[in-house]
Amino acid sequence: MLFNRFIRILKSNLLQNQSPPQASSAEQSYTNAQSGNRQQQQTASFQENKQENTYYRALEVTPGTSFDDIKASYKKLVKKYHPDLFHNNPEKRRYAEVVTQQINEAYAYFEQKMGMH
């Protein structure tokens, strides 16, 4: 279970690090002339939404979940994947550290977004 979650995290990170295909210069000129700054705003919004969906997946909740449910899921997952639980197995401990780091990052994001700190 822990290993499968780690594989999902790695795949998700690899997909995030891939750059999108480049548009031709004619397409870029047309887009820039038509949309200007709007495209940058949409791209930033898309990237933020994509990151937010990654955080929802890390906490194993669906988008739009209430902060109370996010907090409950966070507590459950931290107990389940805490690295100290795997002190006898260094490989699983490393995986648990990565998973715990993602869980903490996701929770901090929602805590800040929803003004709950």
PDB file of N, CA and C in Angstrom:
ATOM      1  N   MET A   1       0.834  -1.191   0.000  1.00  0.00           N
ATOM      2  CA  MET A   1       0.000   0.000   0.000  1.00  0.00           C
ATOM      3  C   MET A   1       0.874   1.249   0.000  1.00  0.00           C
ATOM      4  N   LEU A   2       1.850   1.279   0.881  1.00  0.00           N
ATOM      5  CA  LEU A   2       2.739   2.433   0.956  1.00  0.00           C
ATOM      6  C   LEU A   2       3.548   2.569  -0.323  1.00  0.00           C
ATOM      7  N   PHE A   3       4.009   1.450  -0.847  1.00  0.00           N
ATOM      8  CA  PHE A   3       4.796   1.487  -2.081  1.00  0.00           C
ATOM      9  C   PHE A   3       3.947   1.976  -3.255  1.00  0.00           C
ATOM     10  N   ASN A   4       2.694   1.512  -3.353  1.00  0.00           N
ATOM     11  CA  ASN A   4       1.799   1.950  -4.427  1.00  0.00           C
ATOM     12  C   ASN A   4       1.542   3.449  -4.344  1.00  0.00           C
ATOM     13  N   ARG A   5       1.375   3.957  -3.140  1.00  0.00           N
ATOM     14  CA  ARG A   5       1.164   5.396  -2.962  1.00  0.00           C
ATOM     15  C   ARG A   5       2.409   6.157  -3.401  1.00  0.00           C
ATOM     16  N   PHE A   6       3.580   5.639  -3.079  1.00  0.00           N
ATOM     17  CA  PHE A   6       4.821   6.291  -3.481  1.00  0.00           C
ATOM     18  C   PHE A   6       4.937   6.324  -5.000  1.00  0.00           C
ATOM     19  N   ILE A   7       4.575   5.250  -5.660  1.00  0.00           N
ATOM     20  CA  ILE A   7       4.620   5.199  -7.125  1.00  0.00           C
ATOM     21  C   ILE A   7       3.673   6.248  -7.714  1.00  0.00           C
ATOM     22  N   ARG A   8       2.453   6.375  -7.153  1.00  0.00           N
ATOM     23  CA  ARG A   8       1.518   7.395  -7.617  1.00  0.00           C
ATOM     24  C   ARG A   8       2.095   8.798  -7.456  1.00  0.00           C
ATOM     25  N   ILE A   9       2.774   9.037  -6.342  1.00  0.00           N
ATOM     26  CA  ILE A   9       3.391  10.340  -6.086  1.00  0.00           C
ATOM     27  C   ILE A   9       4.467  10.611  -7.121  1.00  0.00           C
ATOM     28  N   LEU A  10       5.299   9.627  -7.389  1.00  0.00           N
ATOM     29  CA  LEU A  10       6.355   9.811  -8.377  1.00  0.00           C
ATOM     30  C   LEU A  10       5.782  10.099  -9.757  1.00  0.00           C
ATOM     31  N   LYS A  11       4.751   9.349 -10.153  1.00  0.00           N
ATOM     32  CA  LYS A  11       4.123   9.576 -11.454  1.00  0.00           C
ATOM     33  C   LYS A  11       3.530  10.975 -11.521  1.00  0.00           C
ATOM     34  N   SER A  12       2.872  11.394 -10.456  1.00  0.00           N
ATOM     35  CA  SER A  12       2.269  12.723 -10.414  1.00  0.00           C
ATOM     36  C   SER A  12       3.345  13.799 -10.552  1.00  0.00           C
ATOM     37  N   ASN A  13       4.457  13.624  -9.846  1.00  0.00           N
ATOM     38  CA  ASN A  13       5.549  14.596  -9.924  1.00  0.00           C
ATOM     39  C   ASN A  13       6.176  14.612 -11.305  1.00  0.00           C
ATOM     40  N   LEU A  14       6.305  13.457 -11.922  1.00  0.00           N
ATOM     41  CA  LEU A  14       6.861  13.410 -13.273  1.00  0.00           C
ATOM     42  C   LEU A  14       5.960  14.121 -14.262  1.00  0.00           C
ATOM     43  N   LEU A  15       4.643  13.933 -14.117  1.00  0.00           N
ATOM     44  CA  LEU A  15       3.703  14.586 -15.021  1.00  0.00           C
ATOM     45  C   LEU A  15       3.735  16.100 -14.833  1.00  0.00           C
ATOM     46  N   GLN A  16       3.921  16.561 -13.611  1.00  0.00           N
ATOM     47  CA  GLN A  16       3.978  17.994 -13.349  1.00  0.00           C
ATOM     48  C   GLN A  16       5.237  18.610 -13.942  1.00  0.00           C
ATOM     49  N   ASN A  17       6.328  17.861 -13.991  1.00  0.00           N
ATOM     50  CA  ASN A  17       7.599  18.391 -14.463  1.00  0.00           C
ATOM     51  C   ASN A  17       7.723  18.380 -15.972  1.00  0.00           C
ATOM     52  N   GLN A  18       6.809  17.731 -16.679  1.00  0.00           N
ATOM     53  CA  GLN A  18       6.864  17.714 -18.134  1.00  0.00           C
ATOM     54  C   GLN A  18       6.364  19.049 -18.658  1.00  0.00           C
ATOM     55  N   SER A  19       7.082  19.605 -19.619  1.00  0.00           N
ATOM     56  CA  SER A  19       6.651  20.879 -20.186  1.00  0.00           C
ATOM     57  C   SER A  19       5.657  20.613 -21.306  1.00  0.00           C
ATOM     58  N   PRO A  20       4.664  21.503 -21.452  1.00  0.00           N
ATOM     59  CA  PRO A  20       3.679  21.316 -22.510  1.00  0.00           C
ATOM     60  C   PRO A  20       4.305  21.555 -23.874  1.00  0.00           C
ATOM     61  N   PRO A  21       3.729  20.988 -24.921  1.00  0.00           N
ATOM     62  CA  PRO A  21       4.270  21.201 -26.261  1.00  0.00           C
ATOM     63  C   PRO A  21       4.226  22.687 -26.619  1.00  0.00           C
ATOM     64  N   GLN A  22       5.230  23.129 -27.344  1.00  0.00           N
ATOM     65  CA  GLN A  22       5.338  24.535 -27.724  1.00  0.00           C
ATOM     66  C   GLN A  22       4.471  24.834 -28.950  1.00  0.00           C
ATOM     67  N   ALA A  23       3.800  25.970 -28.920  1.00  0.00           N
ATOM     68  CA  ALA A  23       2.994  26.400 -30.059  1.00  0.00           C
ATOM     69  C   ALA A  23       3.912  27.033 -31.101  1.00  0.00           C
ATOM     70  N   SER A  24       3.460  27.038 -32.346  1.00  0.00           N
ATOM     71  CA  SER A  24       4.257  27.664 -33.406  1.00  0.00           C
ATOM     72  C   SER A  24       4.288  29.173 -33.183  1.00  0.00           C
ATOM     73  N   SER A  25       5.234  29.856 -33.825  1.00  0.00           N
ATOM     74  CA  SER A  25       5.360  31.297 -33.639  1.00  0.00           C
ATOM     75  C   SER A  25       4.122  32.036 -34.152  1.00  0.00           C
ATOM     76  N   ALA A  26       3.500  31.540 -35.225  1.00  0.00           N
ATOM     77  CA  ALA A  26       2.281  32.171 -35.743  1.00  0.00           C
ATOM     78  C   ALA A  26       1.150  32.053 -34.719  1.00  0.00           C
ATOM     79  N   GLU A  27       1.042  30.869 -34.103  1.00  0.00           N
ATOM     80  CA  GLU A  27       0.010  30.674 -33.083  1.00  0.00           C
ATOM     81  C   GLU A  27       0.277  31.565 -31.880  1.00  0.00           C
ATOM     82  N   GLN A  28       1.545  31.681 -31.491  1.00  0.00           N
ATOM     83  CA  GLN A  28       1.892  32.522 -30.352  1.00  0.00           C
ATOM     84  C   GLN A  28       1.580  33.983 -30.645  1.00  0.00           C
ATOM     85  N   SER A  29       1.888  34.457 -31.845  1.00  0.00           N
ATOM     86  CA  SER A  29       1.616  35.849 -32.209  1.00  0.00           C
ATOM     87  C   SER A  29       0.119  36.128 -32.152  1.00  0.00           C
ATOM     88  N   TYR A  30      -0.666  35.222 -32.716  1.00  0.00           N
ATOM     89  CA  TYR A  30      -2.123  35.393 -32.712  1.00  0.00           C
ATOM     90  C   TYR A  30      -2.648  35.395 -31.274  1.00  0.00           C
ATOM     91  N   THR A  31      -2.185  34.451 -30.487  1.00  0.00           N
ATOM     92  CA  THR A  31      -2.633  34.350 -29.100  1.00  0.00           C
ATOM     93  C   THR A  31      -2.256  35.598 -28.320  1.00  0.00           C
ATOM     94  N   ASN A  32      -1.025  36.056 -28.486  1.00  0.00           N
ATOM     95  CA  ASN A  32      -0.585  37.249 -27.770  1.00  0.00           C
ATOM     96  C   ASN A  32      -1.379  38.473 -28.193  1.00  0.00           C
ATOM     97  N   ALA A  33      -1.672  38.597 -29.490  1.00  0.00           N
ATOM     98  CA  ALA A  33      -2.431  39.742 -29.981  1.00  0.00           C
ATOM     99  C   ALA A  33      -3.858  39.710 -29.459  1.00  0.00           C
ATOM    100  N   GLN A  34      -4.456  38.528 -29.344  1.00  0.00           N
ATOM    101  CA  GLN A  34      -5.852  38.405 -28.943  1.00  0.00           C
ATOM    102  C   GLN A  34      -6.044  38.461 -27.428  1.00  0.00           C
ATOM    103  N   SER A  35      -5.147  37.815 -26.699  1.00  0.00           N
ATOM    104  CA  SER A  35      -5.434  37.653 -25.283  1.00  0.00           C
ATOM    105  C   SER A  35      -4.520  38.436 -24.355  1.00  0.00           C
ATOM    106  N   GLY A  36      -3.318  38.776 -24.780  1.00  0.00           N
ATOM    107  CA  GLY A  36      -2.418  39.562 -23.936  1.00  0.00           C
ATOM    108  C   GLY A  36      -2.182  38.913 -22.590  1.00  0.00           C
ATOM    109  N   ASN A  37      -2.466  39.653 -21.580  1.00  0.00           N
ATOM    110  CA  ASN A  37      -2.198  39.215 -20.210  1.00  0.00           C
ATOM    111  C   ASN A  37      -3.182  38.139 -19.744  1.00  0.00           C
ATOM    112  N   ARG A  38      -4.344  38.049 -20.401  1.00  0.00           N
ATOM    113  CA  ARG A  38      -5.356  37.066 -20.013  1.00  0.00           C
ATOM    114  C   ARG A  38      -4.811  35.648 -20.060  1.00  0.00           C
ATOM    115  N   GLN A  39      -3.990  35.343 -21.050  1.00  0.00           N
ATOM    116  CA  GLN A  39      -3.422  34.003 -21.174  1.00  0.00           C
ATOM    117  C   GLN A  39      -2.541  33.676 -19.977  1.00  0.00           C
ATOM    118  N   GLN A  40      -1.748  34.625 -19.548  1.00  0.00           N
ATOM    119  CA  GLN A  40      -0.885  34.391 -18.394  1.00  0.00           C
ATOM    120  C   GLN A  40      -1.716  34.139 -17.144  1.00  0.00           C
ATOM    121  N   GLN A  41      -2.810  34.888 -17.000  1.00  0.00           N
ATOM    122  CA  GLN A  41      -3.680  34.690 -15.853  1.00  0.00           C
ATOM    123  C   GLN A  41      -4.328  33.311 -15.891  1.00  0.00           C
ATOM    124  N   GLN A  42      -4.773  32.889 -17.076  1.00  0.00           N
ATOM    125  CA  GLN A  42      -5.395  31.574 -17.195  1.00  0.00           C
ATOM    126  C   GLN A  42      -4.383  30.465 -16.929  1.00  0.00           C
ATOM    127  N   THR A  43      -3.168  30.632 -17.428  1.00  0.00           N
ATOM    128  CA  THR A  43      -2.127  29.636 -17.202  1.00  0.00           C
ATOM    129  C   THR A  43      -1.815  29.521 -15.716  1.00  0.00           C
ATOM    130  N   ALA A  44      -1.683  30.665 -15.056  1.00  0.00           N
ATOM    131  CA  ALA A  44      -1.411  30.654 -13.619  1.00  0.00           C
ATOM    132  C   ALA A  44      -2.561  29.998 -12.866  1.00  0.00           C
ATOM    133  N   SER A  45      -3.794  30.312 -13.273  1.00  0.00           N
ATOM    134  CA  SER A  45      -4.963  29.718 -12.638  1.00  0.00           C
ATOM    135  C   SER A  45      -5.001  28.210 -12.866  1.00  0.00           C
ATOM    136  N   PHE A  46      -4.686  27.784 -14.085  1.00  0.00           N
ATOM    137  CA  PHE A  46      -4.664  26.358 -14.407  1.00  0.00           C
ATOM    138  C   PHE A  46      -3.612  25.635 -13.566  1.00  0.00           C
ATOM    139  N   GLN A  47      -2.416  26.222 -13.462  1.00  0.00           N
ATOM    140  CA  GLN A  47      -1.345  25.601 -12.685  1.00  0.00           C
ATOM    141  C   GLN A  47      -1.741  25.499 -11.210  1.00  0.00           C
ATOM    142  N   GLU A  48      -2.374  26.549 -10.688  1.00  0.00           N
ATOM    143  CA  GLU A  48      -2.808  26.534  -9.294  1.00  0.00           C
ATOM    144  C   GLU A  48      -3.873  25.465  -9.087  1.00  0.00           C
ATOM    145  N   ASN A  49      -4.819  25.354 -10.009  1.00  0.00           N
ATOM    146  CA  ASN A  49      -5.878  24.349  -9.922  1.00  0.00           C
ATOM    147  C   ASN A  49      -5.284  22.944 -10.012  1.00  0.00           C
ATOM    148  N   LYS A  50      -4.321  22.771 -10.894  1.00  0.00           N
ATOM    149  CA  LYS A  50      -3.652  21.471 -11.042  1.00  0.00           C
ATOM    150  C   LYS A  50      -2.941  21.098  -9.743  1.00  0.00           C
ATOM    151  N   GLN A  51      -2.249  22.079  -9.133  1.00  0.00           N
ATOM    152  CA  GLN A  51      -1.556  21.827  -7.869  1.00  0.00           C
ATOM    153  C   GLN A  51      -2.559  21.526  -6.766  1.00  0.00           C
ATOM    154  N   GLU A  52      -3.663  22.257  -6.759  1.00  0.00           N
ATOM    155  CA  GLU A  52      -4.681  22.027  -5.739  1.00  0.00           C
ATOM    156  C   GLU A  52      -5.257  20.617  -5.853  1.00  0.00           C
ATOM    157  N   ASN A  53      -5.495  20.154  -7.071  1.00  0.00           N
ATOM    158  CA  ASN A  53      -5.981  18.783  -7.266  1.00  0.00           C
ATOM    159  C   ASN A  53      -4.964  17.768  -6.767  1.00  0.00           C
ATOM    160  N   THR A  54      -3.680  18.058  -6.947  1.00  0.00           N
ATOM    161  CA  THR A  54      -2.630  17.182  -6.426  1.00  0.00           C
ATOM    162  C   THR A  54      -2.715  17.121  -4.898  1.00  0.00           C
ATOM    163  N   TYR A  55      -2.981  18.262  -4.288  1.00  0.00           N
ATOM    164  CA  TYR A  55      -3.109  18.297  -2.823  1.00  0.00           C
ATOM    165  C   TYR A  55      -4.338  17.508  -2.359  1.00  0.00           C
ATOM    166  N   TYR A  56      -5.432  17.635  -3.089  1.00  0.00           N
ATOM    167  CA  TYR A  56      -6.618  16.842  -2.732  1.00  0.00           C
ATOM    168  C   TYR A  56      -6.298  15.346  -2.799  1.00  0.00           C
ATOM    169  N   ARG A  57      -5.588  14.929  -3.853  1.00  0.00           N
ATOM    170  CA  ARG A  57      -5.221  13.507  -3.982  1.00  0.00           C
ATOM    171  C   ARG A  57      -4.286  13.075  -2.858  1.00  0.00           C
ATOM    172  N   ALA A  58      -3.351  13.932  -2.483  1.00  0.00           N
ATOM    173  CA  ALA A  58      -2.414  13.590  -1.413  1.00  0.00           C
ATOM    174  C   ALA A  58      -3.156  13.331  -0.105  1.00  0.00           C
ATOM    175  N   LEU A  59      -4.218  14.084   0.116  1.00  0.00           N
ATOM    176  CA  LEU A  59      -5.004  13.916   1.341  1.00  0.00           C
ATOM    177  C   LEU A  59      -6.140  12.912   1.177  1.00  0.00           C
ATOM    178  N   GLU A  60      -6.221  12.312  -0.008  1.00  0.00           N
ATOM    179  CA  GLU A  60      -7.220  11.293  -0.302  1.00  0.00           C
ATOM    180  C   GLU A  60      -8.647  11.786  -0.061  1.00  0.00           C
ATOM    181  N   VAL A  61      -8.925  13.015  -0.524  1.00  0.00           N
ATOM    182  CA  VAL A  61     -10.269  13.576  -0.457  1.00  0.00           C
ATOM    183  C   VAL A  61     -10.632  14.100  -1.844  1.00  0.00           C
ATOM    184  N   THR A  62     -11.906  14.361  -2.051  1.00  0.00           N
ATOM    185  CA  THR A  62     -12.352  14.871  -3.350  1.00  0.00           C
ATOM    186  C   THR A  62     -12.319  16.399  -3.348  1.00  0.00           C
ATOM    187  N   PRO A  63     -12.151  16.991  -4.523  1.00  0.00           N
ATOM    188  CA  PRO A  63     -12.168  18.457  -4.602  1.00  0.00           C
ATOM    189  C   PRO A  63     -13.463  19.029  -4.035  1.00  0.00           C
ATOM    190  N   GLY A  64     -13.321  20.115  -3.286  1.00  0.00           N
ATOM    191  CA  GLY A  64     -14.484  20.749  -2.681  1.00  0.00           C
ATOM    192  C   GLY A  64     -14.798  20.249  -1.284  1.00  0.00           C
ATOM    193  N   THR A  65     -13.980  19.348  -0.770  1.00  0.00           N
ATOM    194  CA  THR A  65     -14.203  18.808   0.571  1.00  0.00           C
ATOM    195  C   THR A  65     -14.043  19.921   1.606  1.00  0.00           C
ATOM    196  N   SER A  66     -14.840  19.875   2.660  1.00  0.00           N
ATOM    197  CA  SER A  66     -14.770  20.898   3.709  1.00  0.00           C
ATOM    198  C   SER A  66     -13.442  20.796   4.457  1.00  0.00           C
ATOM    199  N   PHE A  67     -13.066  21.904   5.104  1.00  0.00           N
ATOM    200  CA  PHE A  67     -11.800  21.909   5.831  1.00  0.00           C
ATOM    201  C   PHE A  67     -11.827  20.909   6.987  1.00  0.00           C
ATOM    202  N   ASP A  68     -12.957  20.734   7.641  1.00  0.00           N
ATOM    203  CA  ASP A  68     -13.045  19.762   8.740  1.00  0.00           C
ATOM    204  C   ASP A  68     -12.754  18.345   8.247  1.00  0.00           C
ATOM    205  N   ASP A  69     -13.263  18.004   7.066  1.00  0.00           N
ATOM    206  CA  ASP A  69     -12.998  16.675   6.499  1.00  0.00           C
ATOM    207  C   ASP A  69     -11.542  16.549   6.048  1.00  0.00           C
ATOM    208  N   ILE A  70     -10.984  17.645   5.529  1.00  0.00           N
ATOM    209  CA  ILE A  70      -9.567  17.654   5.150  1.00  0.00           C
ATOM    210  C   ILE A  70      -8.700  17.417   6.382  1.00  0.00           C
ATOM    211  N   LYS A  71      -9.048  18.090   7.459  1.00  0.00           N
ATOM    212  CA  LYS A  71      -8.284  17.951   8.708  1.00  0.00           C
ATOM    213  C   LYS A  71      -8.372  16.519   9.245  1.00  0.00           C
ATOM    214  N   ALA A  72      -9.554  15.935   9.197  1.00  0.00           N
ATOM    215  CA  ALA A  72      -9.726  14.556   9.670  1.00  0.00           C
ATOM    216  C   ALA A  72      -8.908  13.587   8.819  1.00  0.00           C
ATOM    217  N   SER A  73      -8.936  13.784   7.509  1.00  0.00           N
ATOM    218  CA  SER A  73      -8.158  12.925   6.612  1.00  0.00           C
ATOM    219  C   SER A  73      -6.666  13.103   6.858  1.00  0.00           C
ATOM    220  N   TYR A  74      -6.243  14.332   7.066  1.00  0.00           N
ATOM    221  CA  TYR A  74      -4.837  14.620   7.357  1.00  0.00           C
ATOM    222  C   TYR A  74      -4.375  13.850   8.592  1.00  0.00           C
ATOM    223  N   LYS A  75      -5.147  13.947   9.660  1.00  0.00           N
ATOM    224  CA  LYS A  75      -4.776  13.260  10.906  1.00  0.00           C
ATOM    225  C   LYS A  75      -4.702  11.751  10.704  1.00  0.00           C
ATOM    226  N   LYS A  76      -5.671  11.207   9.977  1.00  0.00           N
ATOM    227  CA  LYS A  76      -5.698   9.765   9.718  1.00  0.00           C
ATOM    228  C   LYS A  76      -4.464   9.334   8.919  1.00  0.00           C
ATOM    229  N   LEU A  77      -4.129  10.101   7.880  1.00  0.00           N
ATOM    230  CA  LEU A  77      -3.001   9.738   7.015  1.00  0.00           C
ATOM    231  C   LEU A  77      -1.660   9.908   7.713  1.00  0.00           C
ATOM    232  N   VAL A  78      -1.528  10.938   8.536  1.00  0.00           N
ATOM    233  CA  VAL A  78      -0.266  11.129   9.258  1.00  0.00           C
ATOM    234  C   VAL A  78      -0.032   9.961  10.217  1.00  0.00           C
ATOM    235  N   LYS A  79      -1.086   9.504  10.853  1.00  0.00           N
ATOM    236  CA  LYS A  79      -0.952   8.344  11.738  1.00  0.00           C
ATOM    237  C   LYS A  79      -0.587   7.087  10.942  1.00  0.00           C
ATOM    238  N   LYS A  80      -1.147   6.960   9.773  1.00  0.00           N
ATOM    239  CA  LYS A  80      -0.924   5.775   8.945  1.00  0.00           C
ATOM    240  C   LYS A  80       0.471   5.747   8.319  1.00  0.00           C
ATOM    241  N   TYR A  81       0.971   6.907   7.876  1.00  0.00           N
ATOM    242  CA  TYR A  81       2.230   6.954   7.129  1.00  0.00           C
ATOM    243  C   TYR A  81       3.388   7.599   7.891  1.00  0.00           C
ATOM    244  N   HIS A  82       3.254   7.778   9.185  1.00  0.00           N
ATOM    245  CA  HIS A  82       4.339   8.425   9.935  1.00  0.00           C
ATOM    246  C   HIS A  82       5.621   7.594   9.806  1.00  0.00           C
ATOM    247  N   PRO A  83       6.738   8.237   9.466  1.00  0.00           N
ATOM    248  CA  PRO A  83       7.998   7.505   9.250  1.00  0.00           C
ATOM    249  C   PRO A  83       8.464   6.687  10.454  1.00  0.00           C
ATOM    250  N   ASP A  84       8.154   7.122  11.651  1.00  0.00           N
ATOM    251  CA  ASP A  84       8.590   6.382  12.839  1.00  0.00           C
ATOM    252  C   ASP A  84       7.973   4.987  12.927  1.00  0.00           C
ATOM    253  N   LEU A  85       6.880   4.774  12.236  1.00  0.00           N
ATOM    254  CA  LEU A  85       6.249   3.454  12.238  1.00  0.00           C
ATOM    255  C   LEU A  85       7.083   2.426  11.470  1.00  0.00           C
ATOM    256  N   PHE A  86       8.010   2.903  10.649  1.00  0.00           N
ATOM    257  CA  PHE A  86       8.791   2.024   9.781  1.00  0.00           C
ATOM    258  C   PHE A  86      10.278   2.071  10.141  1.00  0.00           C
ATOM    259  N   HIS A  87      10.584   2.196  11.427  1.00  0.00           N
ATOM    260  CA  HIS A  87      11.978   2.325  11.854  1.00  0.00           C
ATOM    261  C   HIS A  87      12.810   1.083  11.548  1.00  0.00           C
ATOM    262  N   ASN A  88      12.182  -0.071  11.383  1.00  0.00           N
ATOM    263  CA  ASN A  88      12.921  -1.305  11.094  1.00  0.00           C
ATOM    264  C   ASN A  88      13.173  -1.525   9.606  1.00  0.00           C
ATOM    265  N   ASN A  89      12.549  -0.736   8.756  1.00  0.00           N
ATOM    266  CA  ASN A  89      12.683  -0.919   7.314  1.00  0.00           C
ATOM    267  C   ASN A  89      13.054   0.423   6.667  1.00  0.00           C
ATOM    268  N   PRO A  90      14.348   0.635   6.394  1.00  0.00           N
ATOM    269  CA  PRO A  90      14.794   1.934   5.868  1.00  0.00           C
ATOM    270  C   PRO A  90      14.124   2.332   4.556  1.00  0.00           C
ATOM    271  N   GLU A  91      13.842   1.370   3.675  1.00  0.00           N
ATOM    272  CA  GLU A  91      13.220   1.691   2.395  1.00  0.00           C
ATOM    273  C   GLU A  91      11.793   2.214   2.591  1.00  0.00           C
ATOM    274  N   LYS A  92      11.017   1.515   3.399  1.00  0.00           N
ATOM    275  CA  LYS A  92       9.652   1.960   3.670  1.00  0.00           C
ATOM    276  C   LYS A  92       9.655   3.281   4.433  1.00  0.00           C
ATOM    277  N   ARG A  93      10.649   3.461   5.293  1.00  0.00           N
ATOM    278  CA  ARG A  93      10.746   4.718   6.036  1.00  0.00           C
ATOM    279  C   ARG A  93      10.950   5.896   5.075  1.00  0.00           C
ATOM    280  N   ARG A  94      11.816   5.717   4.074  1.00  0.00           N
ATOM    281  CA  ARG A  94      12.042   6.790   3.089  1.00  0.00           C
ATOM    282  C   ARG A  94      10.753   7.101   2.329  1.00  0.00           C
ATOM    283  N   TYR A  95      10.031   6.057   1.924  1.00  0.00           N
ATOM    284  CA  TYR A  95       8.759   6.270   1.243  1.00  0.00           C
ATOM    285  C   TYR A  95       7.779   7.017   2.153  1.00  0.00           C
ATOM    286  N   ALA A  96       7.719   6.594   3.394  1.00  0.00           N
ATOM    287  CA  ALA A  96       6.819   7.235   4.358  1.00  0.00           C
ATOM    288  C   ALA A  96       7.194   8.700   4.563  1.00  0.00           C
ATOM    289  N   GLU A  97       8.477   9.010   4.536  1.00  0.00           N
ATOM    290  CA  GLU A  97       8.906  10.405   4.673  1.00  0.00           C
ATOM    291  C   GLU A  97       8.412  11.250   3.501  1.00  0.00           C
ATOM    292  N   VAL A  98       8.488  10.707   2.299  1.00  0.00           N
ATOM    293  CA  VAL A  98       8.011  11.422   1.119  1.00  0.00           C
ATOM    294  C   VAL A  98       6.500  11.628   1.201  1.00  0.00           C
ATOM    295  N   VAL A  99       5.788  10.587   1.545  1.00  0.00           N
ATOM    296  CA  VAL A  99       4.328  10.671   1.637  1.00  0.00           C
ATOM    297  C   VAL A  99       3.930  11.665   2.730  1.00  0.00           C
ATOM    298  N   THR A 100       4.567  11.585   3.872  1.00  0.00           N
ATOM    299  CA  THR A 100       4.261  12.490   4.980  1.00  0.00           C
ATOM    300  C   THR A 100       4.559  13.935   4.596  1.00  0.00           C
ATOM    301  N   GLN A 101       5.639  14.135   3.871  1.00  0.00           N
ATOM    302  CA  GLN A 101       5.978  15.485   3.424  1.00  0.00           C
ATOM    303  C   GLN A 101       4.877  16.031   2.509  1.00  0.00           C
ATOM    304  N   GLN A 102       4.400  15.217   1.598  1.00  0.00           N
ATOM    305  CA  GLN A 102       3.322  15.658   0.706  1.00  0.00           C
ATOM    306  C   GLN A 102       2.031  15.920   1.478  1.00  0.00           C
ATOM    307  N   ILE A 103       1.727  15.070   2.423  1.00  0.00           N
ATOM    308  CA  ILE A 103       0.525  15.257   3.230  1.00  0.00           C
ATOM    309  C   ILE A 103       0.616  16.571   3.996  1.00  0.00           C
ATOM    310  N   ASN A 104       1.772  16.839   4.592  1.00  0.00           N
ATOM    311  CA  ASN A 104       1.957  18.077   5.350  1.00  0.00           C
ATOM    312  C   ASN A 104       1.866  19.309   4.441  1.00  0.00           C
ATOM    313  N   GLU A 105       2.462  19.224   3.266  1.00  0.00           N
ATOM    314  CA  GLU A 105       2.416  20.336   2.313  1.00  0.00           C
ATOM    315  C   GLU A 105       0.976  20.613   1.879  1.00  0.00           C
ATOM    316  N   ALA A 106       0.239  19.551   1.601  1.00  0.00           N
ATOM    317  CA  ALA A 106      -1.156  19.701   1.176  1.00  0.00           C
ATOM    318  C   ALA A 106      -2.000  20.313   2.293  1.00  0.00           C
ATOM    319  N   TYR A 107      -1.818  19.831   3.501  1.00  0.00           N
ATOM    320  CA  TYR A 107      -2.599  20.360   4.622  1.00  0.00           C
ATOM    321  C   TYR A 107      -2.264  21.828   4.865  1.00  0.00           C
ATOM    322  N   ALA A 108      -0.981  22.182   4.793  1.00  0.00           N
ATOM    323  CA  ALA A 108      -0.574  23.577   4.985  1.00  0.00           C
ATOM    324  C   ALA A 108      -1.201  24.470   3.916  1.00  0.00           C
ATOM    325  N   TYR A 109      -1.282  23.976   2.692  1.00  0.00           N
ATOM    326  CA  TYR A 109      -1.904  24.739   1.604  1.00  0.00           C
ATOM    327  C   TYR A 109      -3.366  25.037   1.934  1.00  0.00           C
ATOM    328  N   PHE A 110      -4.124  24.004   2.293  1.00  0.00           N
ATOM    329  CA  PHE A 110      -5.549  24.213   2.580  1.00  0.00           C
ATOM    330  C   PHE A 110      -5.754  25.028   3.848  1.00  0.00           C
ATOM    331  N   GLU A 111      -4.874  24.847   4.811  1.00  0.00           N
ATOM    332  CA  GLU A 111      -4.965  25.627   6.037  1.00  0.00           C
ATOM    333  C   GLU A 111      -4.790  27.116   5.735  1.00  0.00           C
ATOM    334  N   GLN A 112      -3.821  27.435   4.890  1.00  0.00           N
ATOM    335  CA  GLN A 112      -3.584  28.823   4.506  1.00  0.00           C
ATOM    336  C   GLN A 112      -4.714  29.345   3.616  1.00  0.00           C
ATOM    337  N   LYS A 113      -5.139  28.536   2.650  1.00  0.00           N
ATOM    338  CA  LYS A 113      -6.194  28.960   1.716  1.00  0.00           C
ATOM    339  C   LYS A 113      -7.491  29.260   2.441  1.00  0.00           C
ATOM    340  N   MET A 114      -7.821  28.444   3.421  1.00  0.00           N
ATOM    341  CA  MET A 114      -9.097  28.588   4.105  1.00  0.00           C
ATOM    342  C   MET A 114      -8.975  29.440   5.369  1.00  0.00           C
ATOM    343  N   GLY A 115      -7.772  29.973   5.615  1.00  0.00           N
ATOM    344  CA  GLY A 115      -7.565  30.845   6.755  1.00  0.00           C
ATOM    345  C   GLY A 115      -7.820  30.197   8.095  1.00  0.00           C
ATOM    346  N   MET A 116      -7.340  28.978   8.247  1.00  0.00           N
ATOM    347  CA  MET A 116      -7.614  28.214   9.469  1.00  0.00           C
ATOM    348  C   MET A 116      -6.399  28.074  10.384  1.00  0.00           C
ATOM    349  N   HIS A 117      -5.418  28.920  10.260  1.00  0.00           N
ATOM    350  CA  HIS A 117      -4.235  28.737  11.124  1.00  0.00           C
ATOM    351  C   HIS A 117      -4.257  29.642  12.267  1.00  0.00           C
TER     352      HIS A 117
END
